[in-house]
C-alpha cells in the first residue's frame, strides 16, 4: 500500500494515498464536471487530471462556479 501523502485541499490538510490528481479528487468527493482545479496556484486542465501527480505539500484548490446575483 502506498504511503499517505499530506496535501492541503481548499485550505484544509488532507492525507491521501493515491498520487494521481484524478484519484485524489474522486476520493475527496469531486467527480464529473463543474469545477476547476489549481495546484500551487497553477490551473490544471481537466484533460491532464489523470496524468498529473500530486506531491507531498501540494496546495490544491478546487473551485466551482456559484450561481446567484
Foldseek 3Di string as FASTA:
>chain_A
DAAWAWEAEQNRIDTDRFFQQVVVCVVVPDDDDFKWKDKPNHTDDPVCRRVHTHHHHIYMYIDGDDDDD
